[in-house]
Amino acid sequence: MRIGIIGAGNIGGALTRRLVALGHAVRVANSRDPETLAELARESGAEAVWAMKAAEGADVVVVTIPLKNIPDLPAGILDGARPDAAIIDTCNYYPQQRDGRIAAIEEGMPESVWVSRQLGRSVIKVFNMIGANSIEHQGKPPGVPGRFALPVAGDDPTAKARVMGLVDALGFDAVDAGSLDESWRQQPGTPVYGPLRDADGVRRALLEASPERPPGFRA
């Protein structure tokens, strides 16, 4: 597939390396000149591009930047993606540590619903509760004991299936975590946001989640 990655931090870099290794054509961008990503491009085989070019022709676009910066993305940044492209949101809301207060989220809107409204596209929430090192080194083939799982939430069944296939190819079981309105179950401070678990463990953790945001993750 053609995959665009907007954001080249820890998660963006890890996904770039792994997805190229799986044979996908990956374009990666940050908020600066593509030359600043020359080393990542050389080591991974990805193509470093300007942010406005990352989504062109893409089957999947990964948005993995600080949540507070989502509204600052250039208008139309996703317009070049295929009409049926899956848009992945890996973002988390850290009001005290980084993002400041976002009123709608503080009032109960799930983080990825807010992201979806900012982008003007339905998104699939995944990779928000796993570290970059785990993405690169903790994946295992299907059926191997100790295989970890990741929750995947979203409203578009076709896009969700495509993303769940990517999760599986990366070496993790994909657990359907419901609709985007239910994606609060995997936000920071919930039981699933923490140590990696197998598929049954992820399902239990999702059921144990409370919609009330913990004090440490409120402004």
N, C-alpha and C. Protein backbone atom coordinates (compact mmCIF):
# COMPACT_ATOMS: atom_id res chain seq x y z
N MET A 1 0.83 -1.20 0.00
CA MET A 1 0.00 0.00 0.00
C MET A 1 0.87 1.26 0.00
N ARG A 2 0.24 2.35 -0.37
CA ARG A 2 0.88 3.65 -0.24
C ARG A 2 0.46 4.25 1.10
N ILE A 3 1.44 4.59 1.91
CA ILE A 3 1.16 5.07 3.26
C ILE A 3 1.86 6.41 3.46
N GLY A 4 1.11 7.40 3.92
CA GLY A 4 1.69 8.69 4.27
C GLY A 4 1.73 8.83 5.78
N ILE A 5 2.83 9.32 6.30
CA ILE A 5 2.98 9.52 7.73
C ILE A 5 3.29 10.99 7.99
N ILE A 6 2.39 11.63 8.71
CA ILE A 6 2.54 13.04 9.05
C ILE A 6 2.97 13.12 10.51
N GLY A 7 4.25 13.39 10.71
CA GLY A 7 4.85 13.38 12.04
C GLY A 7 5.95 12.35 12.09
N ALA A 8 7.15 12.79 12.46
CA ALA A 8 8.31 11.90 12.43
C ALA A 8 8.98 11.83 13.81
N GLY A 9 8.16 11.90 14.85
CA GLY A 9 8.68 11.70 16.20
C GLY A 9 8.90 10.22 16.47
N ASN A 10 8.85 9.83 17.73
CA ASN A 10 9.15 8.44 18.07
C ASN A 10 8.20 7.45 17.40
N ILE A 11 6.89 7.69 17.51
CA ILE A 11 5.93 6.77 16.90
C ILE A 11 6.00 6.85 15.39
N GLY A 12 6.04 8.05 14.84
CA GLY A 12 6.12 8.19 13.39
C GLY A 12 7.36 7.54 12.81
N GLY A 13 8.49 7.70 13.49
CA GLY A 13 9.72 7.08 13.01
C GLY A 13 9.66 5.56 13.08
N ALA A 14 9.12 5.04 14.17
CA ALA A 14 9.02 3.59 14.32
C ALA A 14 8.11 2.99 13.26
N LEU A 15 6.96 3.63 13.03
CA LEU A 15 6.05 3.12 12.00
C LEU A 15 6.66 3.24 10.62
N THR A 16 7.39 4.31 10.37
CA THR A 16 8.07 4.45 9.08
C THR A 16 8.99 3.27 8.81
N ARG A 17 9.84 2.98 9.77
CA ARG A 17 10.81 1.88 9.58
C ARG A 17 10.12 0.53 9.41
N ARG A 18 9.13 0.25 10.25
CA ARG A 18 8.48 -1.06 10.20
C ARG A 18 7.63 -1.22 8.94
N LEU A 19 6.92 -0.20 8.55
CA LEU A 19 6.03 -0.33 7.40
C LEU A 19 6.81 -0.44 6.10
N VAL A 20 7.93 0.27 6.00
CA VAL A 20 8.79 0.08 4.82
C VAL A 20 9.33 -1.34 4.80
N ALA A 21 9.73 -1.85 5.96
CA ALA A 21 10.26 -3.21 6.04
C ALA A 21 9.22 -4.24 5.61
N LEU A 22 7.95 -3.91 5.78
CA LEU A 22 6.87 -4.81 5.36
C LEU A 22 6.55 -4.69 3.88
N GLY A 23 7.23 -3.78 3.18
CA GLY A 23 7.07 -3.67 1.74
C GLY A 23 6.15 -2.55 1.27
N HIS A 24 5.70 -1.70 2.18
CA HIS A 24 4.83 -0.60 1.78
C HIS A 24 5.64 0.59 1.26
N ALA A 25 5.03 1.38 0.40
CA ALA A 25 5.64 2.60 -0.10
C ALA A 25 5.27 3.73 0.85
N VAL A 26 6.23 4.22 1.62
CA VAL A 26 5.95 5.16 2.69
C VAL A 26 6.54 6.53 2.37
N ARG A 27 5.69 7.54 2.51
CA ARG A 27 6.14 8.93 2.50
C ARG A 27 6.03 9.47 3.91
N VAL A 28 7.04 10.16 4.39
CA VAL A 28 7.03 10.68 5.75
C VAL A 28 7.35 12.17 5.72
N ALA A 29 6.67 12.91 6.60
CA ALA A 29 6.85 14.36 6.64
C ALA A 29 6.82 14.83 8.08
N ASN A 30 7.48 15.96 8.32
CA ASN A 30 7.34 16.65 9.60
C ASN A 30 6.92 18.09 9.30
N SER A 31 7.09 18.98 10.24
CA SER A 31 6.66 20.36 10.03
C SER A 31 7.74 21.22 9.37
N ARG A 32 8.84 20.59 8.97
CA ARG A 32 9.96 21.34 8.42
C ARG A 32 10.33 20.83 7.03
N ASP A 33 11.50 21.23 6.58
CA ASP A 33 12.01 20.83 5.28
C ASP A 33 12.25 19.32 5.26
N PRO A 34 11.92 18.63 4.15
CA PRO A 34 12.18 17.19 4.08
C PRO A 34 13.63 16.82 4.34
N GLU A 35 14.55 17.73 4.09
CA GLU A 35 15.96 17.43 4.31
C GLU A 35 16.24 17.11 5.77
N THR A 36 15.39 17.62 6.67
CA THR A 36 15.59 17.31 8.09
C THR A 36 15.29 15.85 8.40
N LEU A 37 14.68 15.16 7.46
CA LEU A 37 14.37 13.73 7.63
C LEU A 37 15.27 12.85 6.77
N ALA A 38 16.38 13.41 6.31
CA ALA A 38 17.26 12.66 5.41
C ALA A 38 17.78 11.38 6.05
N GLU A 39 18.14 11.45 7.32
CA GLU A 39 18.68 10.26 7.98
C GLU A 39 17.62 9.17 8.10
N LEU A 40 16.40 9.55 8.50
CA LEU A 40 15.32 8.57 8.59
C LEU A 40 15.03 7.97 7.22
N ALA A 41 15.05 8.79 6.18
CA ALA A 41 14.81 8.28 4.83
C ALA A 41 15.89 7.30 4.41
N ARG A 42 17.15 7.61 4.72
CA ARG A 42 18.25 6.72 4.34
C ARG A 42 18.16 5.39 5.07
N GLU A 43 17.92 5.44 6.37
CA GLU A 43 17.94 4.19 7.13
C GLU A 43 16.72 3.33 6.88
N SER A 44 15.59 3.95 6.52
CA SER A 44 14.35 3.19 6.37
C SER A 44 14.01 2.84 4.93
N GLY A 45 14.41 3.72 3.99
CA GLY A 45 13.99 3.55 2.61
C GLY A 45 12.70 4.29 2.29
N ALA A 46 12.18 5.06 3.26
CA ALA A 46 11.00 5.88 3.02
C ALA A 46 11.38 7.11 2.21
N GLU A 47 10.37 7.78 1.66
CA GLU A 47 10.58 9.03 0.93
C GLU A 47 10.20 10.19 1.85
N ALA A 48 11.14 11.07 2.11
CA ALA A 48 10.86 12.26 2.92
C ALA A 48 10.27 13.34 2.01
N VAL A 49 9.14 13.91 2.44
CA VAL A 49 8.44 14.89 1.60
C VAL A 49 7.96 16.06 2.46
N TRP A 50 7.51 17.11 1.79
CA TRP A 50 6.82 18.18 2.49
C TRP A 50 5.49 17.64 3.02
N ALA A 51 4.99 18.22 4.10
CA ALA A 51 3.77 17.72 4.75
C ALA A 51 2.59 17.67 3.77
N MET A 52 2.46 18.64 2.90
CA MET A 52 1.32 18.67 1.98
C MET A 52 1.37 17.56 0.94
N LYS A 53 2.51 16.91 0.78
CA LYS A 53 2.63 15.82 -0.19
C LYS A 53 2.50 14.43 0.44
N ALA A 54 2.51 14.36 1.77
CA ALA A 54 2.57 13.06 2.43
C ALA A 54 1.36 12.19 2.10
N ALA A 55 0.18 12.79 1.99
CA ALA A 55 -1.04 12.01 1.81
C ALA A 55 -1.37 11.73 0.35
N GLU A 56 -0.62 12.30 -0.61
CA GLU A 56 -0.98 12.16 -2.02
C GLU A 56 -1.04 10.70 -2.45
N GLY A 57 -2.21 10.29 -2.92
CA GLY A 57 -2.39 8.93 -3.42
C GLY A 57 -2.37 7.86 -2.36
N ALA A 58 -2.42 8.24 -1.09
CA ALA A 58 -2.24 7.27 -0.01
C ALA A 58 -3.49 6.43 0.24
N ASP A 59 -3.26 5.16 0.54
CA ASP A 59 -4.32 4.25 0.99
C ASP A 59 -4.53 4.37 2.50
N VAL A 60 -3.46 4.76 3.18
CA VAL A 60 -3.48 4.95 4.63
C VAL A 60 -2.66 6.20 4.94
N VAL A 61 -3.18 7.05 5.82
CA VAL A 61 -2.42 8.21 6.30
C VAL A 61 -2.38 8.13 7.82
N VAL A 62 -1.18 8.25 8.38
CA VAL A 62 -1.00 8.24 9.83
C VAL A 62 -0.72 9.66 10.28
N VAL A 63 -1.55 10.17 11.18
CA VAL A 63 -1.34 11.49 11.77
C VAL A 63 -0.83 11.27 13.19
N THR A 64 0.43 11.62 13.42
CA THR A 64 1.08 11.31 14.69
C THR A 64 1.92 12.50 15.14
N ILE A 65 1.20 13.53 15.57
CA ILE A 65 1.83 14.78 16.03
C ILE A 65 1.23 15.14 17.39
N PRO A 66 1.83 16.08 18.11
CA PRO A 66 1.19 16.53 19.35
C PRO A 66 -0.23 16.98 19.09
N LEU A 67 -1.15 16.56 19.94
CA LEU A 67 -2.56 16.83 19.70
C LEU A 67 -2.84 18.33 19.56
N LYS A 68 -2.15 19.14 20.34
CA LYS A 68 -2.39 20.59 20.28
C LYS A 68 -2.06 21.18 18.91
N ASN A 69 -1.25 20.47 18.11
CA ASN A 69 -0.85 20.98 16.80
C ASN A 69 -1.79 20.57 15.67
N ILE A 70 -2.77 19.73 15.98
CA ILE A 70 -3.70 19.29 14.93
C ILE A 70 -4.38 20.47 14.24
N PRO A 71 -4.90 21.47 14.96
CA PRO A 71 -5.56 22.58 14.26
C PRO A 71 -4.63 23.40 13.39
N ASP A 72 -3.32 23.28 13.60
CA ASP A 72 -2.35 24.07 12.84
C ASP A 72 -1.91 23.39 11.55
N LEU A 73 -2.37 22.17 11.31
CA LEU A 73 -2.02 21.51 10.05
C LEU A 73 -2.57 22.32 8.88
N PRO A 74 -1.85 22.36 7.77
CA PRO A 74 -2.32 23.14 6.63
C PRO A 74 -3.70 22.68 6.14
N ALA A 75 -4.53 23.61 5.76
CA ALA A 75 -5.84 23.27 5.22
C ALA A 75 -5.66 22.37 3.99
N GLY A 76 -6.45 21.33 3.91
CA GLY A 76 -6.40 20.43 2.76
C GLY A 76 -5.27 19.44 2.79
N ILE A 77 -4.64 19.24 3.94
CA ILE A 77 -3.46 18.37 4.00
C ILE A 77 -3.80 16.92 3.65
N LEU A 78 -5.07 16.53 3.81
CA LEU A 78 -5.47 15.16 3.49
C LEU A 78 -6.18 15.05 2.15
N ASP A 79 -6.33 16.16 1.43
CA ASP A 79 -7.11 16.15 0.20
C ASP A 79 -6.55 15.22 -0.87
N GLY A 80 -5.23 15.01 -0.87
CA GLY A 80 -4.64 14.17 -1.89
C GLY A 80 -4.76 12.68 -1.65
N ALA A 81 -5.22 12.30 -0.46
CA ALA A 81 -5.38 10.88 -0.16
C ALA A 81 -6.52 10.29 -0.98
N ARG A 82 -6.51 8.99 -1.17
CA ARG A 82 -7.60 8.32 -1.86
C ARG A 82 -8.91 8.57 -1.10
N PRO A 83 -10.03 8.64 -1.80
CA PRO A 83 -11.30 8.91 -1.12
C PRO A 83 -11.63 7.91 -0.02
N ASP A 84 -11.17 6.66 -0.19
CA ASP A 84 -11.46 5.63 0.81
C ASP A 84 -10.27 5.39 1.75
N ALA A 85 -9.33 6.33 1.79
CA ALA A 85 -8.14 6.14 2.63
C ALA A 85 -8.51 6.01 4.10
N ALA A 86 -7.77 5.18 4.79
CA ALA A 86 -7.90 5.08 6.25
C ALA A 86 -6.99 6.12 6.88
N ILE A 87 -7.56 6.97 7.72
CA ILE A 87 -6.78 8.01 8.40
C ILE A 87 -6.57 7.57 9.84
N ILE A 88 -5.34 7.28 10.21
CA ILE A 88 -5.00 6.80 11.54
C ILE A 88 -4.64 7.97 12.44
N ASP A 89 -5.24 7.99 13.62
CA ASP A 89 -4.93 8.98 14.65
C ASP A 89 -4.23 8.28 15.81
N THR A 90 -2.98 8.64 16.06
CA THR A 90 -2.25 8.05 17.19
C THR A 90 -2.18 8.99 18.39
N CYS A 91 -2.85 10.14 18.29
CA CYS A 91 -2.62 11.24 19.24
C CYS A 91 -3.23 10.99 20.62
N ASN A 92 -2.65 11.62 21.63
CA ASN A 92 -3.16 11.62 22.99
C ASN A 92 -3.20 13.05 23.52
N TYR A 93 -4.16 13.29 24.40
CA TYR A 93 -4.33 14.60 25.02
C TYR A 93 -3.61 14.62 26.36
N TYR A 94 -2.57 15.46 26.45
CA TYR A 94 -1.81 15.62 27.69
C TYR A 94 -1.89 17.09 28.10
N PRO A 95 -2.99 17.49 28.74
CA PRO A 95 -3.19 18.92 29.02
C PRO A 95 -2.17 19.53 29.96
N GLN A 96 -1.76 18.76 30.97
CA GLN A 96 -0.84 19.31 31.97
C GLN A 96 0.60 19.30 31.47
N GLN A 97 0.94 18.29 30.68
CA GLN A 97 2.32 18.11 30.26
C GLN A 97 2.67 18.85 28.97
N ARG A 98 1.65 19.08 28.07
CA ARG A 98 2.01 19.56 26.73
C ARG A 98 0.94 20.38 26.03
N ASP A 99 -0.30 19.94 26.06
CA ASP A 99 -1.30 20.45 25.13
C ASP A 99 -2.11 21.63 25.63
N GLY A 100 -2.07 21.91 26.93
CA GLY A 100 -2.94 22.95 27.43
C GLY A 100 -4.39 22.49 27.44
N ARG A 101 -5.27 23.41 27.74
CA ARG A 101 -6.69 23.06 27.87
C ARG A 101 -7.41 23.10 26.53
N ILE A 102 -8.09 22.01 26.19
CA ILE A 102 -8.97 21.96 25.02
C ILE A 102 -10.37 21.74 25.57
N ALA A 103 -11.20 22.75 25.47
CA ALA A 103 -12.49 22.75 26.17
C ALA A 103 -13.37 21.56 25.80
N ALA A 104 -13.49 21.25 24.52
CA ALA A 104 -14.39 20.17 24.11
C ALA A 104 -13.99 18.83 24.72
N ILE A 105 -12.69 18.57 24.78
CA ILE A 105 -12.22 17.31 25.37
C ILE A 105 -12.45 17.33 26.87
N GLU A 106 -12.18 18.45 27.52
CA GLU A 106 -12.43 18.56 28.95
C GLU A 106 -13.91 18.33 29.28
N GLU A 107 -14.78 18.68 28.35
CA GLU A 107 -16.22 18.53 28.57
C GLU A 107 -16.73 17.15 28.20
N GLY A 108 -15.82 16.25 27.77
CA GLY A 108 -16.21 14.86 27.56
C GLY A 108 -16.12 14.34 26.15
N MET A 109 -15.78 15.17 25.18
CA MET A 109 -15.63 14.67 23.82
C MET A 109 -14.43 13.74 23.72
N PRO A 110 -14.58 12.52 23.20
CA PRO A 110 -13.41 11.66 23.02
C PRO A 110 -12.35 12.34 22.17
N GLU A 111 -11.11 12.11 22.52
CA GLU A 111 -10.00 12.80 21.86
C GLU A 111 -10.03 12.61 20.34
N SER A 112 -10.27 11.38 19.90
CA SER A 112 -10.24 11.12 18.47
C SER A 112 -11.45 11.68 17.74
N VAL A 113 -12.57 11.86 18.44
CA VAL A 113 -13.71 12.57 17.82
C VAL A 113 -13.31 14.01 17.56
N TRP A 114 -12.62 14.62 18.53
CA TRP A 114 -12.13 15.99 18.35
C TRP A 114 -11.15 16.06 17.18
N VAL A 115 -10.22 15.12 17.11
CA VAL A 115 -9.25 15.09 16.01
C VAL A 115 -9.98 14.95 14.68
N SER A 116 -10.95 14.05 14.62
CA SER A 116 -11.71 13.84 13.39
C SER A 116 -12.39 15.12 12.93
N ARG A 117 -12.94 15.88 13.86
CA ARG A 117 -13.62 17.13 13.50
C ARG A 117 -12.62 18.18 13.02
N GLN A 118 -11.44 18.19 13.62
CA GLN A 118 -10.43 19.15 13.17
C GLN A 118 -9.95 18.82 11.76
N LEU A 119 -9.80 17.54 11.47
CA LEU A 119 -9.29 17.11 10.17
C LEU A 119 -10.36 17.09 9.09
N GLY A 120 -11.61 17.02 9.50
CA GLY A 120 -12.69 16.90 8.54
C GLY A 120 -12.78 15.54 7.90
N ARG A 121 -12.20 14.53 8.54
CA ARG A 121 -12.22 13.15 8.04
C ARG A 121 -12.42 12.20 9.21
N SER A 122 -13.15 11.13 8.95
CA SER A 122 -13.26 10.08 9.96
C SER A 122 -11.88 9.47 10.19
N VAL A 123 -11.57 9.15 11.43
CA VAL A 123 -10.26 8.59 11.75
C VAL A 123 -10.40 7.24 12.45
N ILE A 124 -9.31 6.51 12.44
CA ILE A 124 -9.20 5.25 13.17
C ILE A 124 -8.18 5.47 14.28
N LYS A 125 -8.57 5.21 15.52
CA LYS A 125 -7.66 5.42 16.66
C LYS A 125 -6.91 4.13 16.96
N VAL A 126 -5.58 4.20 16.90
CA VAL A 126 -4.72 3.05 17.19
C VAL A 126 -3.30 3.57 17.38
N PHE A 127 -2.46 2.76 17.98
CA PHE A 127 -1.05 3.08 18.26
C PHE A 127 -0.89 4.21 19.27
N ASN A 128 -1.94 4.57 19.99
CA ASN A 128 -1.82 5.65 20.97
C ASN A 128 -1.36 5.16 22.33
N MET A 129 -1.43 3.84 22.57
CA MET A 129 -1.11 3.34 23.90
C MET A 129 0.05 2.34 23.86
N ILE A 130 0.91 2.49 22.87
CA ILE A 130 2.08 1.62 22.74
C ILE A 130 3.29 2.50 22.46
N GLY A 131 4.43 2.15 23.00
CA GLY A 131 5.65 2.90 22.79
C GLY A 131 6.32 2.56 21.48
N ALA A 132 7.16 3.46 21.02
CA ALA A 132 7.86 3.26 19.75
C ALA A 132 8.74 2.02 19.78
N ASN A 133 9.44 1.80 20.89
CA ASN A 133 10.31 0.63 20.98
C ASN A 133 9.52 -0.66 20.85
N SER A 134 8.31 -0.67 21.43
CA SER A 134 7.47 -1.87 21.34
C SER A 134 7.00 -2.09 19.92
N ILE A 135 6.66 -1.02 19.20
CA ILE A 135 6.26 -1.16 17.80
C ILE A 135 7.37 -1.82 17.00
N GLU A 136 8.59 -1.43 17.28
CA GLU A 136 9.71 -1.95 16.49
C GLU A 136 10.17 -3.34 16.91
N HIS A 137 9.98 -3.68 18.20
CA HIS A 137 10.65 -4.90 18.69
C HIS A 137 9.75 -5.92 19.38
N GLN A 138 8.49 -5.59 19.64
CA GLN A 138 7.64 -6.51 20.38
C GLN A 138 6.67 -7.30 19.52
N GLY A 139 6.64 -7.05 18.23
CA GLY A 139 5.74 -7.79 17.35
C GLY A 139 6.13 -9.25 17.21
N LYS A 140 5.12 -10.12 17.08
CA LYS A 140 5.34 -11.56 16.93
C LYS A 140 4.39 -12.11 15.87
N PRO A 141 4.75 -13.22 15.24
CA PRO A 141 3.86 -13.82 14.24
C PRO A 141 2.55 -14.30 14.88
N PRO A 142 1.49 -14.40 14.09
CA PRO A 142 0.22 -14.89 14.62
C PRO A 142 0.36 -16.27 15.26
N GLY A 143 -0.31 -16.47 16.36
CA GLY A 143 -0.31 -17.77 17.03
C GLY A 143 0.84 -18.00 17.97
N VAL A 144 1.85 -17.13 17.96
CA VAL A 144 2.99 -17.30 18.86
C VAL A 144 2.56 -16.91 20.28
N PRO A 145 2.86 -17.73 21.27
CA PRO A 145 2.49 -17.37 22.65
C PRO A 145 3.10 -16.03 23.05
N GLY A 146 2.33 -15.27 23.82
CA GLY A 146 2.82 -13.98 24.28
C GLY A 146 2.65 -12.85 23.28
N ARG A 147 1.87 -13.08 22.23
CA ARG A 147 1.63 -12.01 21.27
C ARG A 147 0.74 -10.94 21.90
N PHE A 148 1.15 -9.70 21.80
CA PHE A 148 0.39 -8.60 22.37
C PHE A 148 -0.69 -8.12 21.41
N ALA A 149 -1.63 -7.35 21.95
CA ALA A 149 -2.75 -6.87 21.15
C ALA A 149 -2.89 -5.36 21.29
N LEU A 150 -3.49 -4.73 20.28
CA LEU A 150 -3.75 -3.30 20.29
C LEU A 150 -5.22 -3.04 20.01
N PRO A 151 -5.85 -2.12 20.74
CA PRO A 151 -7.24 -1.75 20.44
C PRO A 151 -7.32 -0.83 19.23
N VAL A 152 -8.36 -1.02 18.43
CA VAL A 152 -8.56 -0.23 17.21
C VAL A 152 -10.01 0.25 17.21
N ALA A 153 -10.21 1.57 17.27
CA ALA A 153 -11.56 2.13 17.30
C ALA A 153 -11.80 2.97 16.05
N GLY A 154 -13.03 2.95 15.56
CA GLY A 154 -13.37 3.75 14.39
C GLY A 154 -14.74 3.43 13.87
N ASP A 155 -15.24 4.28 12.98
CA ASP A 155 -16.61 4.14 12.48
C ASP A 155 -16.70 3.51 11.09
N ASP A 156 -15.66 3.63 10.30
CA ASP A 156 -15.69 3.13 8.92
C ASP A 156 -15.20 1.68 8.92
N PRO A 157 -16.09 0.71 8.67
CA PRO A 157 -15.68 -0.70 8.77
C PRO A 157 -14.59 -1.09 7.77
N THR A 158 -14.62 -0.49 6.57
CA THR A 158 -13.60 -0.82 5.57
C THR A 158 -12.24 -0.28 6.01
N ALA A 159 -12.22 0.97 6.45
CA ALA A 159 -10.96 1.56 6.92
C ALA A 159 -10.45 0.83 8.15
N LYS A 160 -11.35 0.48 9.04
CA LYS A 160 -10.94 -0.23 10.26
C LYS A 160 -10.32 -1.59 9.91
N ALA A 161 -10.94 -2.30 8.98
CA ALA A 161 -10.40 -3.60 8.57
C ALA A 161 -9.01 -3.45 7.97
N ARG A 162 -8.80 -2.41 7.17
CA ARG A 162 -7.48 -2.18 6.58
C ARG A 162 -6.44 -1.92 7.66
N VAL A 163 -6.81 -1.11 8.64
CA VAL A 163 -5.88 -0.79 9.72
C VAL A 163 -5.62 -2.01 10.59
N MET A 164 -6.65 -2.78 10.87
CA MET A 164 -6.45 -4.00 11.67
C MET A 164 -5.52 -4.97 10.96
N GLY A 165 -5.59 -4.99 9.63
CA GLY A 165 -4.65 -5.81 8.87
C GLY A 165 -3.22 -5.33 9.03
N LEU A 166 -3.01 -4.02 9.06
CA LEU A 166 -1.67 -3.47 9.28
C LEU A 166 -1.17 -3.83 10.68
N VAL A 167 -2.04 -3.71 11.67
CA VAL A 167 -1.66 -4.07 13.04
C VAL A 167 -1.20 -5.52 13.10
N ASP A 168 -1.96 -6.40 12.44
CA ASP A 168 -1.59 -7.82 12.42
C ASP A 168 -0.24 -8.03 11.73
N ALA A 169 -0.02 -7.34 10.61
CA ALA A 169 1.25 -7.48 9.88
C ALA A 169 2.42 -6.98 10.70
N LEU A 170 2.17 -5.99 11.55
CA LEU A 170 3.24 -5.47 12.42
C LEU A 170 3.54 -6.39 13.59
N GLY A 171 2.72 -7.42 13.79
CA GLY A 171 3.01 -8.41 14.81
C GLY A 171 2.16 -8.34 16.06
N PHE A 172 0.98 -7.74 15.93
CA PHE A 172 0.09 -7.59 17.08
C PHE A 172 -1.32 -8.05 16.71
N ASP A 173 -2.03 -8.62 17.68
CA ASP A 173 -3.44 -8.91 17.47
C ASP A 173 -4.21 -7.60 17.51
N ALA A 174 -5.15 -7.43 16.59
CA ALA A 174 -5.97 -6.23 16.54
C ALA A 174 -7.32 -6.52 17.20
N VAL A 175 -7.65 -5.75 18.21
CA VAL A 175 -8.92 -5.91 18.92
C VAL A 175 -9.85 -4.77 18.53
N ASP A 176 -11.03 -5.12 18.03
CA ASP A 176 -12.01 -4.10 17.66
C ASP A 176 -12.52 -3.43 18.94
N ALA A 177 -12.21 -2.14 19.09
CA ALA A 177 -12.58 -1.42 20.30
C ALA A 177 -13.84 -0.59 20.12
N GLY A 178 -14.60 -0.85 19.07
CA GLY A 178 -15.87 -0.17 18.89
C GLY A 178 -15.76 1.08 18.04
N SER A 179 -16.76 1.92 18.19
CA SER A 179 -16.87 3.13 17.38
C SER A 179 -15.93 4.21 17.89
N LEU A 180 -15.85 5.30 17.12
CA LEU A 180 -15.02 6.42 17.54
C LEU A 180 -15.57 7.05 18.82
N ASP A 181 -16.89 7.03 19.00
CA ASP A 181 -17.48 7.55 20.23
C ASP A 181 -17.04 6.75 21.45
N GLU A 182 -16.63 5.50 21.22
CA GLU A 182 -16.18 4.64 22.32
C GLU A 182 -14.65 4.67 22.50
N SER A 183 -13.98 5.47 21.69
CA SER A 183 -12.51 5.46 21.73
C SER A 183 -11.94 6.03 23.03
N TRP A 184 -12.79 6.65 23.86
CA TRP A 184 -12.32 7.09 25.18
C TRP A 184 -11.81 5.92 26.01
N ARG A 185 -12.24 4.72 25.68
CA ARG A 185 -11.83 3.54 26.44
C ARG A 185 -10.33 3.24 26.32
N GLN A 186 -9.64 3.85 25.35
CA GLN A 186 -8.20 3.63 25.21
C GLN A 186 -7.41 4.92 25.36
N GLN A 187 -8.02 5.96 25.90
CA GLN A 187 -7.32 7.22 26.13
C GLN A 187 -6.37 7.10 27.33
N PRO A 188 -5.44 8.04 27.48
CA PRO A 188 -4.55 8.04 28.65
C PRO A 188 -5.35 8.00 29.95
N GLY A 189 -4.86 7.19 30.88
CA GLY A 189 -5.50 7.07 32.17
C GLY A 189 -6.49 5.92 32.27
N THR A 190 -6.79 5.25 31.15
CA THR A 190 -7.68 4.09 31.18
C THR A 190 -6.87 2.82 31.42
N PRO A 191 -7.53 1.72 31.82
CA PRO A 191 -6.79 0.48 32.11
C PRO A 191 -5.95 -0.04 30.95
N VAL A 192 -6.42 0.12 29.71
CA VAL A 192 -5.66 -0.43 28.58
C VAL A 192 -4.44 0.42 28.23
N TYR A 193 -4.42 1.66 28.72
CA TYR A 193 -3.30 2.56 28.47
C TYR A 193 -2.22 2.26 29.51
N GLY A 194 -1.30 1.40 29.14
CA GLY A 194 -0.28 0.98 30.10
C GLY A 194 0.44 -0.24 29.58
N PRO A 195 0.68 -1.22 30.44
CA PRO A 195 1.41 -2.41 30.02
C PRO A 195 0.71 -3.13 28.87
N LEU A 196 1.49 -3.66 27.94
CA LEU A 196 0.91 -4.41 26.84
C LEU A 196 0.25 -5.68 27.35
N ARG A 197 -0.86 -6.05 26.71
CA ARG A 197 -1.64 -7.22 27.10
C ARG A 197 -1.95 -8.06 25.86
N ASP A 198 -2.37 -9.30 26.10
CA ASP A 198 -2.84 -10.11 24.98
C ASP A 198 -4.26 -9.68 24.64
N ALA A 199 -4.86 -10.32 23.63
CA ALA A 199 -6.16 -9.88 23.13
C ALA A 199 -7.23 -9.95 24.22
N ASP A 200 -7.25 -11.03 24.99
CA ASP A 200 -8.25 -11.14 26.06
C ASP A 200 -8.02 -10.06 27.11
N GLY A 201 -6.78 -9.77 27.42
CA GLY A 201 -6.47 -8.73 28.39
C GLY A 201 -6.90 -7.36 27.92
N VAL A 202 -6.72 -7.09 26.62
CA VAL A 202 -7.16 -5.81 26.06
C VAL A 202 -8.68 -5.70 26.14
N ARG A 203 -9.39 -6.76 25.80
CA ARG A 203 -10.85 -6.71 25.87
C ARG A 203 -11.33 -6.45 27.29
N ARG A 204 -10.72 -7.12 28.26
CA ARG A 204 -11.11 -6.89 29.66
C ARG A 204 -10.83 -5.46 30.07
N ALA A 205 -9.67 -4.94 29.69
CA ALA A 205 -9.30 -3.58 30.07
C ALA A 205 -10.25 -2.56 29.46
N LEU A 206 -10.66 -2.78 28.22
CA LEU A 206 -11.60 -1.86 27.59
C LEU A 206 -12.93 -1.83 28.34
N LEU A 207 -13.39 -3.01 28.79
CA LEU A 207 -14.65 -3.09 29.52
C LEU A 207 -14.56 -2.43 30.89
N GLU A 208 -13.36 -2.42 31.47
CA GLU A 208 -13.17 -1.85 32.81
C GLU A 208 -13.02 -0.32 32.79
N ALA A 209 -12.93 0.27 31.62
CA ALA A 209 -12.67 1.71 31.51
C ALA A 209 -13.84 2.53 32.02
N SER A 210 -13.52 3.68 32.57
CA SER A 210 -14.52 4.65 33.01
C SER A 210 -14.42 5.90 32.14
N PRO A 211 -15.58 6.50 31.78
CA PRO A 211 -15.53 7.71 30.96
C PRO A 211 -15.01 8.93 31.71
N GLU A 212 -14.91 8.85 33.02
CA GLU A 212 -14.42 9.98 33.78
C GLU A 212 -12.91 10.09 33.64
N ARG A 213 -12.45 11.24 33.18
CA ARG A 213 -11.02 11.44 32.95
C ARG A 213 -10.29 11.59 34.30
N PRO A 214 -9.21 10.82 34.52
CA PRO A 214 -8.47 10.93 35.77
C PRO A 214 -7.87 12.32 35.96
N PRO A 215 -7.70 12.77 37.20
CA PRO A 215 -7.17 14.12 37.45
C PRO A 215 -5.84 14.39 36.74
N GLY A 216 -4.99 13.39 36.63
CA GLY A 216 -3.69 13.59 36.00
C GLY A 216 -3.77 13.88 34.52
N PHE A 217 -4.93 13.64 33.92
CA PHE A 217 -5.10 13.86 32.49
C PHE A 217 -6.20 14.87 32.21
N ARG A 218 -6.43 15.77 33.20
CA ARG A 218 -7.34 16.90 33.01
C ARG A 218 -6.55 18.20 33.16
N ALA A 219 -7.02 19.23 32.51
CA ALA A 219 -6.34 20.53 32.61
C ALA A 219 -6.51 21.10 34.01
